[in-house]
mmCIF file of all heavy atoms, coordinates in Angstrom:
data_MODEL
# 
_entry.id   MODEL 
# 
loop_
_atom_site.group_PDB 
_atom_site.id 
_atom_site.type_symbol 
_atom_site.label_atom_id 
_atom_site.label_alt_id 
_atom_site.label_comp_id 
_atom_site.label_asym_id 
_atom_site.label_entity_id 
_atom_site.label_seq_id 
_atom_site.pdbx_PDB_ins_code 
_atom_site.Cartn_x 
_atom_site.Cartn_y 
_atom_site.Cartn_z 
_atom_site.occupancy 
_atom_site.B_iso_or_equiv 
_atom_site.pdbx_formal_charge 
_atom_site.auth_seq_id 
_atom_site.auth_comp_id 
_atom_site.auth_asym_id 
_atom_site.auth_atom_id 
_atom_site.pdbx_PDB_model_num 
ATOM 1   N N   . TYR A 1 1  ? -0.015 -20.746 -2.195 1.00 0.00 ? 1  TYR A N   1 
ATOM 2   C CA  . TYR A 1 1  ? -0.505 -19.906 -1.119 1.00 0.00 ? 1  TYR A CA  1 
ATOM 3   C C   . TYR A 1 1  ? 0.464  -18.741 -0.832 1.00 0.00 ? 1  TYR A C   1 
ATOM 4   O O   . TYR A 1 1  ? 0.035  -17.564 -0.725 1.00 0.00 ? 1  TYR A O   1 
ATOM 5   C CB  . TYR A 1 1  ? -0.796 -20.735 0.136  1.00 0.00 ? 1  TYR A CB  1 
ATOM 6   C CG  . TYR A 1 1  ? -1.396 -19.865 1.234  1.00 0.00 ? 1  TYR A CG  1 
ATOM 7   C CD1 . TYR A 1 1  ? -2.638 -19.312 1.043  1.00 0.00 ? 1  TYR A CD1 1 
ATOM 8   C CD2 . TYR A 1 1  ? -0.713 -19.615 2.412  1.00 0.00 ? 1  TYR A CD2 1 
ATOM 9   C CE1 . TYR A 1 1  ? -3.275 -18.577 2.087  1.00 0.00 ? 1  TYR A CE1 1 
ATOM 10  C CE2 . TYR A 1 1  ? -1.310 -18.793 3.419  1.00 0.00 ? 1  TYR A CE2 1 
ATOM 11  C CZ  . TYR A 1 1  ? -2.566 -18.321 3.204  1.00 0.00 ? 1  TYR A CZ  1 
ATOM 12  O OH  . TYR A 1 1  ? -3.151 -17.568 4.192  1.00 0.00 ? 1  TYR A OH  1 
ATOM 13  N N   . LYS A 1 2  ? 1.799  -19.001 -0.750 1.00 0.00 ? 2  LYS A N   1 
ATOM 14  C CA  . LYS A 1 2  ? 2.681  -17.959 -0.404 1.00 0.00 ? 2  LYS A CA  1 
ATOM 15  C C   . LYS A 1 2  ? 2.726  -16.886 -1.418 1.00 0.00 ? 2  LYS A C   1 
ATOM 16  O O   . LYS A 1 2  ? 2.761  -15.727 -1.079 1.00 0.00 ? 2  LYS A O   1 
ATOM 17  C CB  . LYS A 1 2  ? 4.072  -18.601 -0.220 1.00 0.00 ? 2  LYS A CB  1 
ATOM 18  C CG  . LYS A 1 2  ? 5.139  -17.576 0.338  1.00 0.00 ? 2  LYS A CG  1 
ATOM 19  C CD  . LYS A 1 2  ? 6.460  -18.301 0.573  1.00 0.00 ? 2  LYS A CD  1 
ATOM 20  C CE  . LYS A 1 2  ? 7.493  -17.268 1.148  1.00 0.00 ? 2  LYS A CE  1 
ATOM 21  N NZ  . LYS A 1 2  ? 8.762  -17.899 1.449  1.00 0.00 ? 2  LYS A NZ  1 
ATOM 22  N N   . ASN A 1 3  ? 2.777  -17.290 -2.735 1.00 0.00 ? 3  ASN A N   1 
ATOM 23  C CA  . ASN A 1 3  ? 2.811  -16.257 -3.772 1.00 0.00 ? 3  ASN A CA  1 
ATOM 24  C C   . ASN A 1 3  ? 1.548  -15.430 -3.769 1.00 0.00 ? 3  ASN A C   1 
ATOM 25  O O   . ASN A 1 3  ? 1.558  -14.218 -3.983 1.00 0.00 ? 3  ASN A O   1 
ATOM 26  C CB  . ASN A 1 3  ? 2.990  -16.913 -5.149 1.00 0.00 ? 3  ASN A CB  1 
ATOM 27  C CG  . ASN A 1 3  ? 4.392  -17.488 -5.338 1.00 0.00 ? 3  ASN A CG  1 
ATOM 28  O OD1 . ASN A 1 3  ? 5.369  -17.014 -4.753 1.00 0.00 ? 3  ASN A OD1 1 
ATOM 29  N ND2 . ASN A 1 3  ? 4.511  -18.497 -6.201 1.00 0.00 ? 3  ASN A ND2 1 
ATOM 30  N N   . TYR A 1 4  ? 0.405  -16.110 -3.546 1.00 0.00 ? 4  TYR A N   1 
ATOM 31  C CA  . TYR A 1 4  ? -0.836 -15.403 -3.491 1.00 0.00 ? 4  TYR A CA  1 
ATOM 32  C C   . TYR A 1 4  ? -0.853 -14.348 -2.378 1.00 0.00 ? 4  TYR A C   1 
ATOM 33  O O   . TYR A 1 4  ? -1.285 -13.191 -2.555 1.00 0.00 ? 4  TYR A O   1 
ATOM 34  C CB  . TYR A 1 4  ? -2.000 -16.385 -3.254 1.00 0.00 ? 4  TYR A CB  1 
ATOM 35  C CG  . TYR A 1 4  ? -3.344 -15.820 -2.889 1.00 0.00 ? 4  TYR A CG  1 
ATOM 36  C CD1 . TYR A 1 4  ? -4.076 -14.991 -3.720 1.00 0.00 ? 4  TYR A CD1 1 
ATOM 37  C CD2 . TYR A 1 4  ? -3.823 -16.030 -1.578 1.00 0.00 ? 4  TYR A CD2 1 
ATOM 38  C CE1 . TYR A 1 4  ? -5.224 -14.447 -3.374 1.00 0.00 ? 4  TYR A CE1 1 
ATOM 39  C CE2 . TYR A 1 4  ? -5.042 -15.495 -1.228 1.00 0.00 ? 4  TYR A CE2 1 
ATOM 40  C CZ  . TYR A 1 4  ? -5.763 -14.665 -2.063 1.00 0.00 ? 4  TYR A CZ  1 
ATOM 41  O OH  . TYR A 1 4  ? -6.947 -14.156 -1.699 1.00 0.00 ? 4  TYR A OH  1 
ATOM 42  N N   . LEU A 1 5  ? -0.393 -14.737 -1.169 1.00 0.00 ? 5  LEU A N   1 
ATOM 43  C CA  . LEU A 1 5  ? -0.335 -13.786 -0.014 1.00 0.00 ? 5  LEU A CA  1 
ATOM 44  C C   . LEU A 1 5  ? 0.606  -12.671 -0.394 1.00 0.00 ? 5  LEU A C   1 
ATOM 45  O O   . LEU A 1 5  ? 0.300  -11.482 -0.056 1.00 0.00 ? 5  LEU A O   1 
ATOM 46  C CB  . LEU A 1 5  ? 0.078  -14.510 1.175  1.00 0.00 ? 5  LEU A CB  1 
ATOM 47  C CG  . LEU A 1 5  ? 0.033  -13.717 2.457  1.00 0.00 ? 5  LEU A CG  1 
ATOM 48  C CD1 . LEU A 1 5  ? -1.338 -13.196 2.772  1.00 0.00 ? 5  LEU A CD1 1 
ATOM 49  C CD2 . LEU A 1 5  ? 0.464  -14.629 3.683  1.00 0.00 ? 5  LEU A CD2 1 
ATOM 50  N N   . ASN A 1 6  ? 1.766  -12.931 -0.962 1.00 0.00 ? 6  ASN A N   1 
ATOM 51  C CA  . ASN A 1 6  ? 2.730  -11.923 -1.339 1.00 0.00 ? 6  ASN A CA  1 
ATOM 52  C C   . ASN A 1 6  ? 2.113  -10.899 -2.319 1.00 0.00 ? 6  ASN A C   1 
ATOM 53  O O   . ASN A 1 6  ? 2.372  -9.647  -2.190 1.00 0.00 ? 6  ASN A O   1 
ATOM 54  C CB  . ASN A 1 6  ? 3.975  -12.523 -1.866 1.00 0.00 ? 6  ASN A CB  1 
ATOM 55  C CG  . ASN A 1 6  ? 4.871  -13.122 -0.782 1.00 0.00 ? 6  ASN A CG  1 
ATOM 56  O OD1 . ASN A 1 6  ? 4.766  -12.762 0.334  1.00 0.00 ? 6  ASN A OD1 1 
ATOM 57  N ND2 . ASN A 1 6  ? 5.692  -14.095 -1.221 1.00 0.00 ? 6  ASN A ND2 1 
ATOM 58  N N   . GLN A 1 7  ? 1.326  -11.340 -3.208 1.00 0.00 ? 7  GLN A N   1 
ATOM 59  C CA  . GLN A 1 7  ? 0.687  -10.392 -4.219 1.00 0.00 ? 7  GLN A CA  1 
ATOM 60  C C   . GLN A 1 7  ? -0.217 -9.473  -3.481 1.00 0.00 ? 7  GLN A C   1 
ATOM 61  O O   . GLN A 1 7  ? -0.257 -8.235  -3.837 1.00 0.00 ? 7  GLN A O   1 
ATOM 62  C CB  . GLN A 1 7  ? -0.123 -11.250 -5.231 1.00 0.00 ? 7  GLN A CB  1 
ATOM 63  C CG  . GLN A 1 7  ? 0.807  -11.981 -6.185 1.00 0.00 ? 7  GLN A CG  1 
ATOM 64  C CD  . GLN A 1 7  ? -0.029 -12.891 -7.079 1.00 0.00 ? 7  GLN A CD  1 
ATOM 65  O OE1 . GLN A 1 7  ? -1.286 -12.895 -7.073 1.00 0.00 ? 7  GLN A OE1 1 
ATOM 66  N NE2 . GLN A 1 7  ? 0.648  -13.789 -7.809 1.00 0.00 ? 7  GLN A NE2 1 
ATOM 67  N N   . ARG A 1 8  ? -0.977 -9.971  -2.558 1.00 0.00 ? 8  ARG A N   1 
ATOM 68  C CA  . ARG A 1 8  ? -1.846 -9.085  -1.722 1.00 0.00 ? 8  ARG A CA  1 
ATOM 69  C C   . ARG A 1 8  ? -1.060 -8.111  -0.959 1.00 0.00 ? 8  ARG A C   1 
ATOM 70  O O   . ARG A 1 8  ? -1.430 -6.918  -0.825 1.00 0.00 ? 8  ARG A O   1 
ATOM 71  C CB  . ARG A 1 8  ? -2.780 -9.970  -0.811 1.00 0.00 ? 8  ARG A CB  1 
ATOM 72  C CG  . ARG A 1 8  ? -3.731 -10.825 -1.602 1.00 0.00 ? 8  ARG A CG  1 
ATOM 73  C CD  . ARG A 1 8  ? -4.596 -11.652 -0.691 1.00 0.00 ? 8  ARG A CD  1 
ATOM 74  N NE  . ARG A 1 8  ? -5.414 -10.845 0.147  1.00 0.00 ? 8  ARG A NE  1 
ATOM 75  C CZ  . ARG A 1 8  ? -5.771 -11.108 1.460  1.00 0.00 ? 8  ARG A CZ  1 
ATOM 76  N NH1 . ARG A 1 8  ? -5.255 -12.202 2.026  1.00 0.00 ? 8  ARG A NH1 1 
ATOM 77  N NH2 . ARG A 1 8  ? -6.528 -10.324 2.131  1.00 0.00 ? 8  ARG A NH2 1 
ATOM 78  N N   . LEU A 1 9  ? 0.026  -8.509  -0.369 1.00 0.00 ? 9  LEU A N   1 
ATOM 79  C CA  . LEU A 1 9  ? 0.910  -7.588  0.436  1.00 0.00 ? 9  LEU A CA  1 
ATOM 80  C C   . LEU A 1 9  ? 1.433  -6.448  -0.442 1.00 0.00 ? 9  LEU A C   1 
ATOM 81  O O   . LEU A 1 9  ? 1.538  -5.342  -0.007 1.00 0.00 ? 9  LEU A O   1 
ATOM 82  C CB  . LEU A 1 9  ? 2.033  -8.397  1.075  1.00 0.00 ? 9  LEU A CB  1 
ATOM 83  C CG  . LEU A 1 9  ? 1.677  -9.443  2.103  1.00 0.00 ? 9  LEU A CG  1 
ATOM 84  C CD1 . LEU A 1 9  ? 2.948  -10.041 2.754  1.00 0.00 ? 9  LEU A CD1 1 
ATOM 85  C CD2 . LEU A 1 9  ? 0.743  -8.896  3.175  1.00 0.00 ? 9  LEU A CD2 1 
ATOM 86  N N   . HIS A 1 10 ? 1.826  -6.770  -1.670 1.00 0.00 ? 10 HIS A N   1 
ATOM 87  C CA  . HIS A 1 10 ? 2.297  -5.737  -2.575 1.00 0.00 ? 10 HIS A CA  1 
ATOM 88  C C   . HIS A 1 10 ? 1.254  -4.758  -2.822 1.00 0.00 ? 10 HIS A C   1 
ATOM 89  O O   . HIS A 1 10 ? 1.494  -3.509  -2.892 1.00 0.00 ? 10 HIS A O   1 
ATOM 90  C CB  . HIS A 1 10 ? 2.827  -6.399  -3.851 1.00 0.00 ? 10 HIS A CB  1 
ATOM 91  C CG  . HIS A 1 10 ? 4.072  -7.136  -3.755 1.00 0.00 ? 10 HIS A CG  1 
ATOM 92  N ND1 . HIS A 1 10 ? 5.193  -6.661  -3.015 1.00 0.00 ? 10 HIS A ND1 1 
ATOM 93  C CD2 . HIS A 1 10 ? 4.482  -8.369  -4.248 1.00 0.00 ? 10 HIS A CD2 1 
ATOM 94  C CE1 . HIS A 1 10 ? 6.198  -7.511  -3.108 1.00 0.00 ? 10 HIS A CE1 1 
ATOM 95  N NE2 . HIS A 1 10 ? 5.774  -8.596  -3.823 1.00 0.00 ? 10 HIS A NE2 1 
ATOM 96  N N   . HIS A 1 11 ? -0.011 -5.235  -2.914 1.00 0.00 ? 11 HIS A N   1 
ATOM 97  C CA  . HIS A 1 11 ? -1.106 -4.356  -3.225 1.00 0.00 ? 11 HIS A CA  1 
ATOM 98  C C   . HIS A 1 11 ? -1.349 -3.399  -2.037 1.00 0.00 ? 11 HIS A C   1 
ATOM 99  O O   . HIS A 1 11 ? -1.483 -2.155  -2.227 1.00 0.00 ? 11 HIS A O   1 
ATOM 100 C CB  . HIS A 1 11 ? -2.370 -5.115  -3.460 1.00 0.00 ? 11 HIS A CB  1 
ATOM 101 C CG  . HIS A 1 11 ? -3.643 -4.298  -3.643 1.00 0.00 ? 11 HIS A CG  1 
ATOM 102 N ND1 . HIS A 1 11 ? -4.069 -3.795  -4.873 1.00 0.00 ? 11 HIS A ND1 1 
ATOM 103 C CD2 . HIS A 1 11 ? -4.545 -3.855  -2.786 1.00 0.00 ? 11 HIS A CD2 1 
ATOM 104 C CE1 . HIS A 1 11 ? -5.164 -3.170  -4.685 1.00 0.00 ? 11 HIS A CE1 1 
ATOM 105 N NE2 . HIS A 1 11 ? -5.480 -3.138  -3.414 1.00 0.00 ? 11 HIS A NE2 1 
ATOM 106 N N   . TYR A 1 12 ? -1.421 -3.925  -0.817 1.00 0.00 ? 12 TYR A N   1 
ATOM 107 C CA  . TYR A 1 12 ? -1.607 -3.093  0.342  1.00 0.00 ? 12 TYR A CA  1 
ATOM 108 C C   . TYR A 1 12 ? -0.485 -2.062  0.550  1.00 0.00 ? 12 TYR A C   1 
ATOM 109 O O   . TYR A 1 12 ? -0.647 -0.924  0.975  1.00 0.00 ? 12 TYR A O   1 
ATOM 110 C CB  . TYR A 1 12 ? -1.759 -3.960  1.616  1.00 0.00 ? 12 TYR A CB  1 
ATOM 111 C CG  . TYR A 1 12 ? -2.920 -4.940  1.506  1.00 0.00 ? 12 TYR A CG  1 
ATOM 112 C CD1 . TYR A 1 12 ? -2.808 -6.174  2.129  1.00 0.00 ? 12 TYR A CD1 1 
ATOM 113 C CD2 . TYR A 1 12 ? -4.129 -4.648  0.883  1.00 0.00 ? 12 TYR A CD2 1 
ATOM 114 C CE1 . TYR A 1 12 ? -3.904 -7.121  2.036  1.00 0.00 ? 12 TYR A CE1 1 
ATOM 115 C CE2 . TYR A 1 12 ? -5.171 -5.516  0.785  1.00 0.00 ? 12 TYR A CE2 1 
ATOM 116 C CZ  . TYR A 1 12 ? -5.048 -6.733  1.380  1.00 0.00 ? 12 TYR A CZ  1 
ATOM 117 O OH  . TYR A 1 12 ? -6.046 -7.655  1.277  1.00 0.00 ? 12 TYR A OH  1 
ATOM 118 N N   . GLU A 1 13 ? 0.756  -2.573  0.276  1.00 0.00 ? 13 GLU A N   1 
ATOM 119 C CA  . GLU A 1 13 ? 1.939  -1.676  0.419  1.00 0.00 ? 13 GLU A CA  1 
ATOM 120 C C   . GLU A 1 13 ? 1.819  -0.524  -0.567 1.00 0.00 ? 13 GLU A C   1 
ATOM 121 O O   . GLU A 1 13 ? 2.050  0.638   -0.172 1.00 0.00 ? 13 GLU A O   1 
ATOM 122 C CB  . GLU A 1 13 ? 3.192  -2.475  0.088  1.00 0.00 ? 13 GLU A CB  1 
ATOM 123 C CG  . GLU A 1 13 ? 4.470  -1.633  0.236  1.00 0.00 ? 13 GLU A CG  1 
ATOM 124 C CD  . GLU A 1 13 ? 5.726  -2.474  0.007  1.00 0.00 ? 13 GLU A CD  1 
ATOM 125 O OE1 . GLU A 1 13 ? 5.953  -3.365  0.903  1.00 0.00 ? 13 GLU A OE1 1 
ATOM 126 O OE2 . GLU A 1 13 ? 6.457  -2.259  -0.922 1.00 0.00 ? 13 GLU A OE2 1 
ATOM 127 N N   . ARG A 1 14 ? 1.454  -0.790  -1.779 1.00 0.00 ? 14 ARG A N   1 
ATOM 128 C CA  . ARG A 1 14 ? 1.354  0.293   -2.769 1.00 0.00 ? 14 ARG A CA  1 
ATOM 129 C C   . ARG A 1 14 ? 0.228  1.264   -2.335 1.00 0.00 ? 14 ARG A C   1 
ATOM 130 O O   . ARG A 1 14 ? 0.390  2.529   -2.406 1.00 0.00 ? 14 ARG A O   1 
ATOM 131 C CB  . ARG A 1 14 ? 1.006  -0.269  -4.143 1.00 0.00 ? 14 ARG A CB  1 
ATOM 132 C CG  . ARG A 1 14 ? 0.775  0.780   -5.206 1.00 0.00 ? 14 ARG A CG  1 
ATOM 133 C CD  . ARG A 1 14 ? 0.813  0.224   -6.591 1.00 0.00 ? 14 ARG A CD  1 
ATOM 134 N NE  . ARG A 1 14 ? 0.415  1.274   -7.607 1.00 0.00 ? 14 ARG A NE  1 
ATOM 135 C CZ  . ARG A 1 14 ? 1.284  2.196   -7.949 1.00 0.00 ? 14 ARG A CZ  1 
ATOM 136 N NH1 . ARG A 1 14 ? 2.479  2.277   -7.430 1.00 0.00 ? 14 ARG A NH1 1 
ATOM 137 N NH2 . ARG A 1 14 ? 0.938  3.102   -8.850 1.00 0.00 ? 14 ARG A NH2 1 
ATOM 138 N N   . PHE A 1 15 ? -0.908 0.753   -1.907 1.00 0.00 ? 15 PHE A N   1 
ATOM 139 C CA  . PHE A 1 15 ? -1.996 1.633   -1.558 1.00 0.00 ? 15 PHE A CA  1 
ATOM 140 C C   . PHE A 1 15 ? -1.681 2.423   -0.236 1.00 0.00 ? 15 PHE A C   1 
ATOM 141 O O   . PHE A 1 15 ? -2.116 3.621   -0.082 1.00 0.00 ? 15 PHE A O   1 
ATOM 142 C CB  . PHE A 1 15 ? -3.322 0.899   -1.397 1.00 0.00 ? 15 PHE A CB  1 
ATOM 143 C CG  . PHE A 1 15 ? -3.986 0.630   -2.734 1.00 0.00 ? 15 PHE A CG  1 
ATOM 144 C CD1 . PHE A 1 15 ? -3.254 0.174   -3.825 1.00 0.00 ? 15 PHE A CD1 1 
ATOM 145 C CD2 . PHE A 1 15 ? -5.304 0.866   -2.931 1.00 0.00 ? 15 PHE A CD2 1 
ATOM 146 C CE1 . PHE A 1 15 ? -3.874 0.044   -5.099 1.00 0.00 ? 15 PHE A CE1 1 
ATOM 147 C CE2 . PHE A 1 15 ? -5.987 0.654   -4.097 1.00 0.00 ? 15 PHE A CE2 1 
ATOM 148 C CZ  . PHE A 1 15 ? -5.236 0.229   -5.250 1.00 0.00 ? 15 PHE A CZ  1 
ATOM 149 N N   . SER A 1 16 ? -0.939 1.823   0.648  1.00 0.00 ? 16 SER A N   1 
ATOM 150 C CA  . SER A 1 16 ? -0.554 2.549   1.887  1.00 0.00 ? 16 SER A CA  1 
ATOM 151 C C   . SER A 1 16 ? 0.338  3.744   1.539  1.00 0.00 ? 16 SER A C   1 
ATOM 152 O O   . SER A 1 16 ? 0.211  4.798   2.117  1.00 0.00 ? 16 SER A O   1 
ATOM 153 C CB  . SER A 1 16 ? 0.155  1.612   2.911  1.00 0.00 ? 16 SER A CB  1 
ATOM 154 O OG  . SER A 1 16 ? 1.521  1.344   2.539  1.00 0.00 ? 16 SER A OG  1 
ATOM 155 N N   . ASN A 1 17 ? 1.252  3.542   0.553  1.00 0.00 ? 17 ASN A N   1 
ATOM 156 C CA  . ASN A 1 17 ? 2.106  4.631   0.200  1.00 0.00 ? 17 ASN A CA  1 
ATOM 157 C C   . ASN A 1 17 ? 1.339  5.688   -0.653 1.00 0.00 ? 17 ASN A C   1 
ATOM 158 O O   . ASN A 1 17 ? 1.642  6.877   -0.485 1.00 0.00 ? 17 ASN A O   1 
ATOM 159 C CB  . ASN A 1 17 ? 3.296  4.017   -0.659 1.00 0.00 ? 17 ASN A CB  1 
ATOM 160 C CG  . ASN A 1 17 ? 4.284  3.318   0.180  1.00 0.00 ? 17 ASN A CG  1 
ATOM 161 O OD1 . ASN A 1 17 ? 5.184  3.973   0.812  1.00 0.00 ? 17 ASN A OD1 1 
ATOM 162 N ND2 . ASN A 1 17 ? 4.209  2.031   0.324  1.00 0.00 ? 17 ASN A ND2 1 
ATOM 163 N N   . ILE A 1 18 ? 0.461  5.273   -1.530 1.00 0.00 ? 18 ILE A N   1 
ATOM 164 C CA  . ILE A 1 18 ? -0.377 6.247   -2.240 1.00 0.00 ? 18 ILE A CA  1 
ATOM 165 C C   . ILE A 1 18 ? -1.135 7.175   -1.224 1.00 0.00 ? 18 ILE A C   1 
ATOM 166 O O   . ILE A 1 18 ? -1.078 8.339   -1.344 1.00 0.00 ? 18 ILE A O   1 
ATOM 167 C CB  . ILE A 1 18 ? -1.335 5.516   -3.152 1.00 0.00 ? 18 ILE A CB  1 
ATOM 168 C CG1 . ILE A 1 18 ? -0.631 4.929   -4.383 1.00 0.00 ? 18 ILE A CG1 1 
ATOM 169 C CG2 . ILE A 1 18 ? -2.412 6.531   -3.681 1.00 0.00 ? 18 ILE A CG2 1 
ATOM 170 C CD1 . ILE A 1 18 ? -1.493 3.993   -5.222 1.00 0.00 ? 18 ILE A CD1 1 
ATOM 171 N N   . ALA A 1 19 ? -1.786 6.510   -0.298 1.00 0.00 ? 19 ALA A N   1 
ATOM 172 C CA  . ALA A 1 19 ? -2.585 7.329   0.710  1.00 0.00 ? 19 ALA A CA  1 
ATOM 173 C C   . ALA A 1 19 ? -1.745 8.209   1.488  1.00 0.00 ? 19 ALA A C   1 
ATOM 174 O O   . ALA A 1 19 ? -2.085 9.363   1.746  1.00 0.00 ? 19 ALA A O   1 
ATOM 175 C CB  . ALA A 1 19 ? -3.369 6.362   1.594  1.00 0.00 ? 19 ALA A CB  1 
ATOM 176 N N   . TYR A 1 20 ? -0.579 7.708   1.917  1.00 0.00 ? 20 TYR A N   1 
ATOM 177 C CA  . TYR A 1 20 ? 0.299  8.479   2.811  1.00 0.00 ? 20 TYR A CA  1 
ATOM 178 C C   . TYR A 1 20 ? 0.833  9.755   2.046  1.00 0.00 ? 20 TYR A C   1 
ATOM 179 O O   . TYR A 1 20 ? 0.834  10.858  2.560  1.00 0.00 ? 20 TYR A O   1 
ATOM 180 C CB  . TYR A 1 20 ? 1.457  7.671   3.256  1.00 0.00 ? 20 TYR A CB  1 
ATOM 181 C CG  . TYR A 1 20 ? 2.517  8.415   4.067  1.00 0.00 ? 20 TYR A CG  1 
ATOM 182 C CD1 . TYR A 1 20 ? 2.161  8.831   5.366  1.00 0.00 ? 20 TYR A CD1 1 
ATOM 183 C CD2 . TYR A 1 20 ? 3.734  8.742   3.583  1.00 0.00 ? 20 TYR A CD2 1 
ATOM 184 C CE1 . TYR A 1 20 ? 3.074  9.631   6.119  1.00 0.00 ? 20 TYR A CE1 1 
ATOM 185 C CE2 . TYR A 1 20 ? 4.669  9.458   4.298  1.00 0.00 ? 20 TYR A CE2 1 
ATOM 186 C CZ  . TYR A 1 20 ? 4.337  9.880   5.572  1.00 0.00 ? 20 TYR A CZ  1 
ATOM 187 O OH  . TYR A 1 20 ? 5.256  10.615  6.294  1.00 0.00 ? 20 TYR A OH  1 
ATOM 188 N N   . GLU A 1 21 ? 1.222  9.479   0.778  1.00 0.00 ? 21 GLU A N   1 
ATOM 189 C CA  . GLU A 1 21 ? 1.788  10.616  -0.010 1.00 0.00 ? 21 GLU A CA  1 
ATOM 190 C C   . GLU A 1 21 ? 0.744  11.682  -0.255 1.00 0.00 ? 21 GLU A C   1 
ATOM 191 O O   . GLU A 1 21 ? 1.038  12.904  -0.290 1.00 0.00 ? 21 GLU A O   1 
ATOM 192 C CB  . GLU A 1 21 ? 2.383  10.073  -1.338 1.00 0.00 ? 21 GLU A CB  1 
ATOM 193 C CG  . GLU A 1 21 ? 3.645  9.285   -1.160 1.00 0.00 ? 21 GLU A CG  1 
ATOM 194 C CD  . GLU A 1 21 ? 4.779  10.115  -0.517 1.00 0.00 ? 21 GLU A CD  1 
ATOM 195 O OE1 . GLU A 1 21 ? 4.923  11.332  -0.833 1.00 0.00 ? 21 GLU A OE1 1 
ATOM 196 O OE2 . GLU A 1 21 ? 5.481  9.527   0.313  1.00 0.00 ? 21 GLU A OE2 1 
ATOM 197 N N   . LEU A 1 22 ? -0.531 11.258  -0.459 1.00 0.00 ? 22 LEU A N   1 
ATOM 198 C CA  . LEU A 1 22 ? -1.578 12.225  -0.716 1.00 0.00 ? 22 LEU A CA  1 
ATOM 199 C C   . LEU A 1 22 ? -2.078 12.955  0.512  1.00 0.00 ? 22 LEU A C   1 
ATOM 200 O O   . LEU A 1 22 ? -2.607 14.066  0.442  1.00 0.00 ? 22 LEU A O   1 
ATOM 201 C CB  . LEU A 1 22 ? -2.817 11.512  -1.356 1.00 0.00 ? 22 LEU A CB  1 
ATOM 202 C CG  . LEU A 1 22 ? -2.587 11.005  -2.766 1.00 0.00 ? 22 LEU A CG  1 
ATOM 203 C CD1 . LEU A 1 22 ? -3.811 10.153  -3.247 1.00 0.00 ? 22 LEU A CD1 1 
ATOM 204 C CD2 . LEU A 1 22 ? -2.332 12.113  -3.773 1.00 0.00 ? 22 LEU A CD2 1 
ATOM 205 N N   . LEU A 1 23 ? -1.816 12.413  1.691  1.00 0.00 ? 23 LEU A N   1 
ATOM 206 C CA  . LEU A 1 23 ? -2.377 13.005  2.934  1.00 0.00 ? 23 LEU A CA  1 
ATOM 207 C C   . LEU A 1 23 ? -1.325 13.647  3.796  1.00 0.00 ? 23 LEU A C   1 
ATOM 208 O O   . LEU A 1 23 ? -1.679 14.432  4.646  1.00 0.00 ? 23 LEU A O   1 
ATOM 209 C CB  . LEU A 1 23 ? -3.097 11.923  3.756  1.00 0.00 ? 23 LEU A CB  1 
ATOM 210 C CG  . LEU A 1 23 ? -4.373 11.341  3.090  1.00 0.00 ? 23 LEU A CG  1 
ATOM 211 C CD1 . LEU A 1 23 ? -4.861 10.169  3.833  1.00 0.00 ? 23 LEU A CD1 1 
ATOM 212 C CD2 . LEU A 1 23 ? -5.457 12.403  3.049  1.00 0.00 ? 23 LEU A CD2 1 
ATOM 213 N N   . LYS A 1 24 ? -0.040 13.287  3.683  1.00 0.00 ? 24 LYS A N   1 
ATOM 214 C CA  . LYS A 1 24 ? 0.950  13.737  4.636  1.00 0.00 ? 24 LYS A CA  1 
ATOM 215 C C   . LYS A 1 24 ? 1.179  15.226  4.793  1.00 0.00 ? 24 LYS A C   1 
ATOM 216 O O   . LYS A 1 24 ? 1.533  15.724  5.839  1.00 0.00 ? 24 LYS A O   1 
ATOM 217 C CB  . LYS A 1 24 ? 2.352  13.045  4.355  1.00 0.00 ? 24 LYS A CB  1 
ATOM 218 C CG  . LYS A 1 24 ? 2.993  13.484  3.068  1.00 0.00 ? 24 LYS A CG  1 
ATOM 219 C CD  . LYS A 1 24 ? 4.263  12.652  2.855  1.00 0.00 ? 24 LYS A CD  1 
ATOM 220 C CE  . LYS A 1 24 ? 4.979  12.919  1.540  1.00 0.00 ? 24 LYS A CE  1 
ATOM 221 N NZ  . LYS A 1 24 ? 5.567  14.241  1.454  1.00 0.00 ? 24 LYS A NZ  1 
ATOM 222 N N   . ASP A 1 25 ? 0.914  15.962  3.723  1.00 0.00 ? 25 ASP A N   1 
ATOM 223 C CA  . ASP A 1 25 ? 1.041  17.425  3.765  1.00 0.00 ? 25 ASP A CA  1 
ATOM 224 C C   . ASP A 1 25 ? -0.254 18.157  3.881  1.00 0.00 ? 25 ASP A C   1 
ATOM 225 O O   . ASP A 1 25 ? -0.273 19.432  3.771  1.00 0.00 ? 25 ASP A O   1 
ATOM 226 C CB  . ASP A 1 25 ? 1.836  17.873  2.517  1.00 0.00 ? 25 ASP A CB  1 
ATOM 227 C CG  . ASP A 1 25 ? 3.244  17.316  2.483  1.00 0.00 ? 25 ASP A CG  1 
ATOM 228 O OD1 . ASP A 1 25 ? 3.849  17.206  3.598  1.00 0.00 ? 25 ASP A OD1 1 
ATOM 229 O OD2 . ASP A 1 25 ? 3.698  16.986  1.404  1.00 0.00 ? 25 ASP A OD2 1 
ATOM 230 N N   . VAL A 1 26 ? -1.372 17.493  4.071  1.00 0.00 ? 26 VAL A N   1 
ATOM 231 C CA  . VAL A 1 26 ? -2.683 18.144  4.183  1.00 0.00 ? 26 VAL A CA  1 
ATOM 232 C C   . VAL A 1 26 ? -2.728 18.838  5.571  1.00 0.00 ? 26 VAL A C   1 
ATOM 233 O O   . VAL A 1 26 ? -2.433 18.229  6.592  1.00 0.00 ? 26 VAL A O   1 
ATOM 234 C CB  . VAL A 1 26 ? -3.844 17.088  4.090  1.00 0.00 ? 26 VAL A CB  1 
ATOM 235 C CG1 . VAL A 1 26 ? -5.144 17.786  4.303  1.00 0.00 ? 26 VAL A CG1 1 
ATOM 236 C CG2 . VAL A 1 26 ? -3.826 16.486  2.703  1.00 0.00 ? 26 VAL A CG2 1 
ATOM 237 N N   . PRO A 1 27 ? -3.061 20.141  5.580  1.00 0.00 ? 27 PRO A N   1 
ATOM 238 C CA  . PRO A 1 27 ? -3.206 20.848  6.851  1.00 0.00 ? 27 PRO A CA  1 
ATOM 239 C C   . PRO A 1 27 ? -4.351 20.240  7.746  1.00 0.00 ? 27 PRO A C   1 
ATOM 240 O O   . PRO A 1 27 ? -5.270 19.649  7.204  1.00 0.00 ? 27 PRO A O   1 
ATOM 241 C CB  . PRO A 1 27 ? -3.489 22.265  6.452  1.00 0.00 ? 27 PRO A CB  1 
ATOM 242 C CG  . PRO A 1 27 ? -4.105 22.189  5.078  1.00 0.00 ? 27 PRO A CG  1 
ATOM 243 C CD  . PRO A 1 27 ? -3.425 20.983  4.431  1.00 0.00 ? 27 PRO A CD  1 
# 
């Protein structure tokens, strides 16, 4: 269970950073 949850957290972390980098400089 713990490893499974950690894998999901890595996914959300990566996608949160992708979205932030693509949007942070948008006017």
